[in-house]
């Protein structure tokens, strides 16, 4: 935006200052709206999540803190796209300035260099308070929207190009340090939550939810890698097709069960899944050696000993969630009058599952 919204483009500094204000307003507005929507979605899922939410926030923020401190690879969800250039010619400069800002306000739709926004988004969802979500996210959009101010001294297009080059070559240490401080504060603020009564069971359930959600998302967002990893297991063709969608579906069910207040059921599904995953890893290691194709958390190959140790740690967390968390509420027993709606819902669920399965098969074969 430094070259697009600059004094050279707008002719006078007054017009340019107005464009920057409009741009910042657009970014702050969409960021605030996004924060409110995320918090509202959290409220629909039962937020505030208290201990479980705090531990989930800490579990998300900690890897990104390590990323800033040590440089380990932790994926950041982002579309890595620029806002459309044609907006400037089609809508005119004032409207385009607002739309450019609006496109940048939701950071995940463009480029993100740090994971702080991910942790803040999870924290906002855990509060379940739309007003607080808007207040928490608006500064992010405002900061992005005011970025063109660095080009205040640009006198011609050549200077604009040189400024962009300088900004691109700058060291990211200062930005990394600032984000590390912010992430550290988030981790510290959330880490004390398990001290509450029953908190350790909820904390363990939150760890399961974050871990299995990460595993499911990594498979859904990079299906090509997941299919290649699955092919290395040499399952029968029919079973491989089922496993391609069933494994991420089972993994995704665990955070859903935690969010809806059934940590015991989530722990049971997690334990069964971990046993099956561990057996599959051992089978693969007996054939191929210590390095195996895992597909775990977006990584293609891992040392089987590391993978099994991680599975053991998650199994301990599942056992803690099962034994220490609040007991799952009893399932309601349907009466005779509920039979027809239940059958219709079951039929619709089966139809959706079959359609999703066939769609994955067709897309895998390159059909449309």
Protein backbone atom coordinates (compact mmCIF):
# COMPACT_ATOMS: atom_id res chain seq x y z
CA UNK A 1 0.00 0.00 0.00
CA UNK A 2 3.01 2.34 0.33
CA UNK A 3 3.16 2.90 -3.44
CA UNK A 4 -0.60 2.69 -4.06
CA UNK A 5 -1.56 5.21 -1.32
CA UNK A 6 1.20 7.80 -1.54
CA UNK A 7 1.40 11.60 -1.95
CA UNK A 8 2.57 11.08 -5.55
CA UNK A 9 -0.56 9.13 -6.50
CA UNK A 10 -2.99 11.52 -4.80
CA UNK A 11 -1.31 14.73 -5.94
CA UNK A 12 -1.51 16.72 -2.72
CA UNK A 13 -0.71 15.77 0.85
CA UNK A 14 -4.20 16.77 1.99
CA UNK A 15 -5.82 14.28 -0.40
CA UNK A 16 -3.24 11.67 0.54
CA UNK A 17 -3.89 12.20 4.28
CA UNK A 18 -7.62 11.79 3.64
CA UNK A 19 -6.98 8.57 1.72
CA UNK A 20 -4.85 7.21 4.57
CA UNK A 21 -7.64 8.04 7.05
CA UNK A 22 -10.22 6.27 4.87
CA UNK A 23 -7.86 3.33 4.41
CA UNK A 24 -7.27 3.03 8.17
CA UNK A 25 -11.01 3.33 8.87
CA UNK A 26 -11.73 0.46 6.47
CA UNK A 27 -9.07 -1.76 8.02
CA UNK A 28 -10.15 -1.01 11.58
CA UNK A 29 -13.84 -1.54 10.75
CA UNK A 30 -13.37 -4.97 9.18
CA UNK A 31 -10.96 -6.05 11.90
CA UNK A 32 -13.50 -5.04 14.56
CA UNK A 33 -16.30 -6.79 12.68
CA UNK A 34 -14.18 -9.92 12.38
CA UNK A 35 -13.41 -9.87 16.10
CA UNK A 36 -17.09 -9.47 16.96
CA UNK A 37 -18.04 -12.32 14.61
CA UNK A 38 -15.41 -14.65 16.08
CA UNK A 39 -16.57 -13.90 19.64
CA UNK A 40 -20.21 -14.38 18.61
CA UNK A 41 -19.30 -17.75 17.09
CA UNK A 42 -17.59 -18.66 20.35
CA UNK A 43 -20.71 -17.68 22.28
CA UNK A 44 -22.81 -19.95 20.05
CA UNK A 45 -20.42 -22.78 20.94
CA UNK A 46 -20.81 -22.19 24.68
CA UNK A 47 -18.13 -19.57 25.43
CA UNK A 48 -16.82 -18.33 27.78
CA UNK A 49 -14.92 -21.59 28.06
CA UNK A 50 -13.19 -20.62 31.31
CA UNK A 51 -10.28 -22.97 32.09
CA UNK A 52 -10.54 -24.94 28.86
CA UNK A 53 -10.51 -21.74 26.82
CA UNK A 54 -7.55 -20.28 28.70
CA UNK A 55 -5.52 -23.44 28.23
CA UNK A 56 -6.44 -23.58 24.55
CA UNK A 57 -5.20 -20.01 24.15
CA UNK A 58 -1.96 -20.87 25.95
CA UNK A 59 -1.51 -24.03 23.87
CA UNK A 60 -1.93 -22.03 20.65
CA UNK A 61 0.27 -19.10 21.72
CA UNK A 62 3.17 -21.20 23.06
CA UNK A 63 4.25 -22.72 19.69
CA UNK A 64 4.17 -19.29 18.04
CA UNK A 65 6.23 -17.89 20.91
CA UNK A 66 8.81 -20.63 20.30
CA UNK A 67 8.68 -19.76 16.63
CA UNK A 68 9.70 -16.19 17.38
CA UNK A 69 12.39 -17.22 19.90
CA UNK A 70 13.94 -20.24 18.16
CA UNK A 71 12.81 -20.08 14.54
CA UNK A 72 11.04 -23.45 14.55
CA UNK A 73 8.55 -23.92 11.74
CA UNK A 74 4.96 -23.41 12.87
CA UNK A 75 2.40 -22.87 10.08
CA UNK A 76 0.37 -19.65 10.07
CA UNK A 77 -3.10 -19.78 8.47
CA UNK A 78 -3.19 -17.23 5.65
CA UNK A 79 -4.30 -16.94 2.02
CA UNK A 80 -1.10 -15.15 0.90
CA UNK A 81 -2.96 -12.95 -1.59
CA UNK A 82 -2.73 -9.29 -2.49
CA UNK A 83 -5.83 -7.12 -2.63
CA UNK A 84 -7.04 -6.70 -6.26
CA UNK A 85 -5.32 -3.91 -8.18
CA UNK A 86 -8.37 -3.30 -10.38
CA UNK A 87 -10.32 -1.83 -7.44
CA UNK A 88 -8.34 1.39 -7.84
CA UNK A 89 -9.48 1.97 -11.43
CA UNK A 90 -13.02 0.61 -11.11
CA UNK A 91 -14.17 2.24 -7.85
CA UNK A 92 -12.12 5.42 -7.81
CA UNK A 93 -9.44 6.37 -5.34
CA UNK A 94 -11.45 7.16 -2.17
CA UNK A 95 -13.58 4.00 -2.43
CA UNK A 96 -10.54 1.94 -3.38
CA UNK A 97 -8.63 3.22 -0.34
CA UNK A 98 -11.48 2.08 1.92
CA UNK A 99 -11.77 -1.31 0.17
CA UNK A 100 -8.01 -1.88 0.33
CA UNK A 101 -8.15 -1.24 4.05
CA UNK A 102 -11.17 -3.52 4.42
CA UNK A 103 -9.28 -6.28 2.62
CA UNK A 104 -6.34 -5.97 5.00
CA UNK A 105 -8.39 -5.80 8.20
CA UNK A 106 -8.98 -9.56 8.31
CA UNK A 107 -5.33 -10.55 8.40
CA UNK A 108 -5.88 -14.19 7.47
CA UNK A 109 -7.13 -13.18 4.01
CA UNK A 110 -3.74 -11.74 2.98
CA UNK A 111 -0.21 -12.20 4.35
CA UNK A 112 0.75 -12.80 7.99
CA UNK A 113 4.34 -12.90 9.16
CA UNK A 114 3.66 -13.76 12.80
CA UNK A 115 1.26 -15.98 14.71
CA UNK A 116 0.12 -13.42 17.28
CA UNK A 117 -3.17 -12.83 15.48
CA UNK A 118 -3.93 -16.56 15.65
CA UNK A 119 -3.57 -16.58 19.44
CA UNK A 120 -5.63 -13.40 19.82
CA UNK A 121 -8.37 -14.86 17.59
CA UNK A 122 -8.61 -17.97 19.77
CA UNK A 123 -8.68 -15.77 22.89
CA UNK A 124 -11.48 -13.68 21.42
CA UNK A 125 -13.50 -16.80 20.60
CA UNK A 126 -12.96 -18.10 24.14
CA UNK A 127 -14.50 -14.96 25.65
CA UNK A 128 -17.79 -15.20 23.77
CA UNK A 129 -18.16 -11.41 24.04
CA UNK A 130 -18.57 -9.65 20.65
CA UNK A 131 -17.88 -6.17 22.03
CA UNK A 132 -14.62 -7.33 23.59
CA UNK A 133 -13.73 -9.13 20.36
CA UNK A 134 -14.22 -5.94 18.37
CA UNK A 135 -12.06 -3.94 20.79
CA UNK A 136 -9.31 -6.57 20.72
CA UNK A 137 -9.13 -6.81 16.92
CA UNK A 138 -9.64 -3.18 15.92
CA UNK A 139 -6.06 -2.09 16.83
CA UNK A 140 -4.65 -4.72 14.48
CA UNK A 141 -6.64 -3.32 11.57
CA UNK A 142 -5.84 0.27 12.54
CA UNK A 143 -2.10 -0.47 12.63
CA UNK A 144 -2.27 -2.07 9.21
CA UNK A 145 -4.36 0.79 7.85
CA UNK A 146 -1.89 3.44 9.01
CA UNK A 147 1.08 1.69 7.35
CA UNK A 148 1.07 4.07 4.31
CA UNK A 149 2.21 6.86 6.65
CA UNK A 150 5.78 5.57 6.22
CA UNK A 151 5.61 6.99 2.68
CA UNK A 152 4.91 10.57 3.77
CA UNK A 153 8.21 11.83 2.28
CA UNK A 154 7.82 10.18 -1.14
CA UNK A 155 8.24 12.78 -3.86
CA UNK A 156 8.16 10.59 -6.99
CA UNK A 157 7.57 6.99 -8.11
CA UNK A 158 11.29 6.16 -7.98
CA UNK A 159 11.46 7.04 -4.28
CA UNK A 160 8.38 4.90 -3.70
CA UNK A 161 10.05 1.91 -5.29
CA UNK A 162 13.23 2.42 -3.25
CA UNK A 163 11.18 2.68 -0.04
CA UNK A 164 9.41 -0.59 -0.79
CA UNK A 165 12.79 -2.25 -1.42
CA UNK A 166 14.17 -0.92 1.88
CA UNK A 167 11.12 -2.11 3.79
CA UNK A 168 11.40 -5.53 2.19
CA UNK A 169 15.08 -5.87 3.12
CA UNK A 170 14.70 -4.72 6.75
CA UNK A 171 15.53 -7.18 9.49
CA UNK A 172 12.51 -8.69 11.18
CA UNK A 173 14.17 -8.84 14.61
CA UNK A 174 12.30 -5.87 16.04
CA UNK A 175 8.95 -7.15 14.80
CA UNK A 176 9.83 -10.63 16.05
CA UNK A 177 10.78 -9.29 19.48
CA UNK A 178 7.53 -7.30 19.77
CA UNK A 179 5.45 -10.30 18.79
CA UNK A 180 7.40 -12.52 21.20
CA UNK A 181 6.62 -10.12 24.05
CA UNK A 182 2.93 -10.10 23.13
CA UNK A 183 2.78 -13.88 22.83
CA UNK A 184 4.65 -14.31 26.10
CA UNK A 185 2.11 -12.09 27.84
CA UNK A 186 -0.73 -14.17 26.40
CA UNK A 187 0.87 -17.42 27.56
CA UNK A 188 1.51 -16.10 31.07
CA UNK A 189 -1.99 -14.63 31.39
CA UNK A 190 -3.62 -17.92 30.37
CA UNK A 191 -1.31 -20.36 32.14
CA UNK A 192 -2.75 -19.84 35.64
CA UNK A 193 -6.27 -20.98 34.72
CA UNK A 194 -5.82 -24.73 35.52
CA UNK A 195 -5.41 -23.87 39.22
CA UNK A 196 -9.19 -23.55 39.53
CA UNK A 197 -11.19 -26.54 40.90
CA UNK A 198 -11.53 -29.17 38.18
CA UNK A 199 -9.25 -27.07 36.01
CA UNK A 200 -6.66 -29.75 35.27
CA UNK A 201 -9.23 -32.03 33.65
CA UNK A 202 -10.52 -29.15 31.54
CA UNK A 203 -6.95 -28.18 30.71
CA UNK A 204 -6.21 -31.71 29.50
CA UNK A 205 -9.38 -31.65 27.39
CA UNK A 206 -8.31 -28.32 25.91
CA UNK A 207 -4.90 -29.79 25.00
CA UNK A 208 -6.67 -32.65 23.22
CA UNK A 209 -8.96 -30.22 21.40
CA UNK A 210 -6.11 -28.04 20.14
CA UNK A 211 -3.91 -31.00 19.16
CA UNK A 212 -6.55 -32.90 17.22
CA UNK A 213 -7.96 -29.75 15.63
CA UNK A 214 -4.46 -28.93 14.38
CA UNK A 215 -4.07 -32.49 13.04
CA UNK A 216 -7.41 -32.36 11.21
CA UNK A 217 -6.82 -28.89 9.73
CA UNK A 218 -3.38 -29.87 8.43
CA UNK A 219 -4.94 -32.77 6.50
CA UNK A 220 -7.85 -30.76 5.11
CA UNK A 221 -5.74 -27.79 4.00
CA UNK A 222 -3.05 -29.94 2.33
CA UNK A 223 -4.98 -32.89 0.98
CA UNK A 224 -2.32 -33.71 -1.64
CA UNK A 225 0.31 -34.33 1.04
CA UNK A 226 -2.19 -36.27 3.15
CA UNK A 227 -3.07 -38.55 0.23
CA UNK A 228 0.62 -39.15 -0.52
CA UNK A 229 1.26 -39.99 3.12
CA UNK A 230 -1.74 -42.30 3.20
CA UNK A 231 -0.56 -44.07 0.06
CA UNK A 232 2.70 -44.96 1.83
CA UNK A 233 0.69 -47.13 4.25
CA UNK A 234 -0.37 -49.36 1.31
CA UNK A 235 -3.89 -49.92 2.49
CA UNK A 236 -6.43 -51.67 0.25
CA UNK A 237 -7.77 -49.15 -2.26
CA UNK A 238 -11.27 -49.06 -0.76
CA UNK A 239 -9.96 -48.59 2.79
CA UNK A 240 -7.56 -45.89 1.64
CA UNK A 241 -10.46 -43.92 0.15
CA UNK A 242 -12.42 -44.19 3.39
CA UNK A 243 -9.42 -43.29 5.55
CA UNK A 244 -8.74 -40.15 3.47
CA UNK A 245 -11.82 -38.44 4.88
CA UNK A 246 -12.60 -40.56 7.95
CA UNK A 247 -9.31 -39.84 9.77
CA UNK A 248 -9.61 -36.01 9.68
CA UNK A 249 -13.34 -36.34 10.45
CA UNK A 250 -12.62 -38.37 13.61
CA UNK A 251 -9.85 -35.95 14.60
CA UNK A 252 -12.20 -32.99 14.11
CA UNK A 253 -14.87 -34.65 16.27
CA UNK A 254 -12.63 -34.41 19.35
CA UNK A 255 -12.48 -30.59 19.60
CA UNK A 256 -16.20 -30.47 18.77
CA UNK A 257 -16.97 -32.80 21.69
CA UNK A 258 -14.81 -30.70 24.02
CA UNK A 259 -16.51 -27.47 22.96
CA UNK A 260 -20.02 -28.89 23.47
CA UNK A 261 -19.11 -29.95 27.01
CA UNK A 262 -18.43 -33.69 26.65
CA UNK A 263 -14.73 -34.08 27.59
CA UNK A 264 -15.22 -37.73 28.59
CA UNK A 265 -16.50 -38.66 25.14
CA UNK A 266 -13.69 -36.64 23.54
CA UNK A 267 -11.13 -38.48 25.68
CA UNK A 268 -12.58 -41.86 24.71
CA UNK A 269 -12.45 -41.04 20.99
CA UNK A 270 -8.91 -39.67 21.40
CA UNK A 271 -7.67 -42.79 23.22
CA UNK A 272 -9.14 -45.13 20.60
CA UNK A 273 -7.68 -43.02 17.79
CA UNK A 274 -4.23 -42.87 19.40
CA UNK A 275 -4.16 -46.67 19.77
CA UNK A 276 -5.04 -47.14 16.09
CA UNK A 277 -2.56 -44.47 14.96
CA UNK A 278 0.22 -46.02 17.07
CA UNK A 279 -0.44 -49.50 15.69
CA UNK A 280 -0.29 -48.10 12.15
CA UNK A 281 3.02 -46.34 12.89
CA UNK A 282 4.58 -49.50 14.37
CA UNK A 283 3.41 -51.52 11.35
CA UNK A 284 4.99 -48.96 9.03
CA UNK A 285 8.24 -48.82 11.04
CA UNK A 286 8.62 -52.62 10.91
CA UNK A 287 8.58 -52.37 7.14
CA UNK A 288 10.39 -49.06 6.42
CA UNK A 289 12.56 -48.31 9.47
CA UNK A 290 12.60 -45.48 12.01
CA UNK A 291 11.54 -42.69 9.63
CA UNK A 292 7.89 -43.17 8.73
CA UNK A 293 5.25 -41.34 6.70
CA UNK A 294 2.98 -40.00 9.41
CA UNK A 295 0.98 -37.07 8.07
CA UNK A 296 0.80 -35.80 11.66
CA UNK A 297 0.23 -32.06 12.13
CA UNK A 298 1.23 -31.33 8.51
CA UNK A 299 4.58 -33.14 8.67
CA UNK A 300 5.17 -35.84 6.07
CA UNK A 301 7.94 -37.92 7.72
CA UNK A 302 8.79 -38.27 11.40
CA UNK A 303 10.90 -40.48 13.62
CA UNK A 304 8.56 -43.21 14.85
CA UNK A 305 9.99 -42.93 18.37
CA UNK A 306 9.12 -39.24 18.52
CA UNK A 307 5.65 -39.93 17.14
CA UNK A 308 4.97 -42.69 19.66
CA UNK A 309 6.23 -40.51 22.54
CA UNK A 310 3.88 -37.75 21.41
CA UNK A 311 1.00 -40.22 21.21
CA UNK A 312 1.79 -41.39 24.74
CA UNK A 313 1.71 -37.79 26.00
CA UNK A 314 -1.65 -37.21 24.31
CA UNK A 315 -2.94 -40.48 25.79
CA UNK A 316 -1.97 -39.24 29.26
CA UNK A 317 -3.83 -36.00 28.55
CA UNK A 318 -6.85 -38.04 27.40
CA UNK A 319 -6.75 -40.12 30.59
CA UNK A 320 -6.57 -36.93 32.67
CA UNK A 321 -9.51 -35.44 30.79
CA UNK A 322 -11.49 -38.63 31.31
CA UNK A 323 -10.75 -38.86 35.02
CA UNK A 324 -10.48 -35.25 36.18
CA UNK A 325 -12.89 -33.22 34.05
CA UNK A 326 -16.51 -32.73 34.98
CA UNK A 327 -18.70 -35.72 34.16
CA UNK A 328 -20.45 -35.61 30.80
CA UNK A 329 -24.15 -34.79 31.06
CA UNK A 330 -26.50 -37.71 30.47
CA UNK A 331 -27.84 -38.06 26.96
CA UNK A 332 -31.56 -37.34 26.70
CA UNK A 333 -33.71 -40.40 25.96
CA UNK A 334 -35.97 -39.68 22.96
CA UNK A 335 -39.65 -40.46 23.16
CA UNK A 336 -41.84 -42.06 20.53
CA UNK A 337 -42.77 -38.66 19.11
CA UNK A 338 -39.10 -37.91 18.39
CA UNK A 339 -38.60 -41.03 16.26
CA UNK A 340 -39.47 -39.50 12.89
CA UNK A 341 -37.23 -36.39 13.27
CA UNK A 342 -34.39 -38.61 14.47
CA UNK A 343 -34.73 -40.92 11.46
CA UNK A 344 -34.84 -37.93 9.11
CA UNK A 345 -31.74 -36.43 10.74
CA UNK A 346 -29.91 -39.76 10.56
CA UNK A 347 -30.83 -40.16 6.89
CA UNK A 348 -29.68 -36.64 6.08
CA UNK A 349 -26.40 -37.21 7.94
CA UNK A 350 -25.75 -40.42 6.00
CA UNK A 351 -26.55 -38.67 2.72
CA UNK A 352 -24.17 -35.82 3.52
CA UNK A 353 -21.41 -38.25 4.53
CA UNK A 354 -21.81 -40.31 1.34
CA UNK A 355 -21.87 -37.17 -0.81
CA UNK A 356 -18.71 -35.86 0.86
CA UNK A 357 -16.99 -39.21 0.38
CA UNK A 358 -17.91 -39.40 -3.32
CA UNK A 359 -16.86 -35.78 -3.82
CA UNK A 360 -13.41 -36.50 -2.41
CA UNK A 361 -13.10 -39.50 -4.73
CA UNK A 362 -14.13 -37.49 -7.79
CA UNK A 363 -11.89 -34.55 -6.93
CA UNK A 364 -9.02 -36.95 -6.32
CA UNK A 365 -9.45 -38.28 -9.85
CA UNK A 366 -9.47 -34.77 -11.31
CA UNK A 367 -13.20 -34.68 -12.12
CA UNK A 368 -15.42 -31.61 -11.81
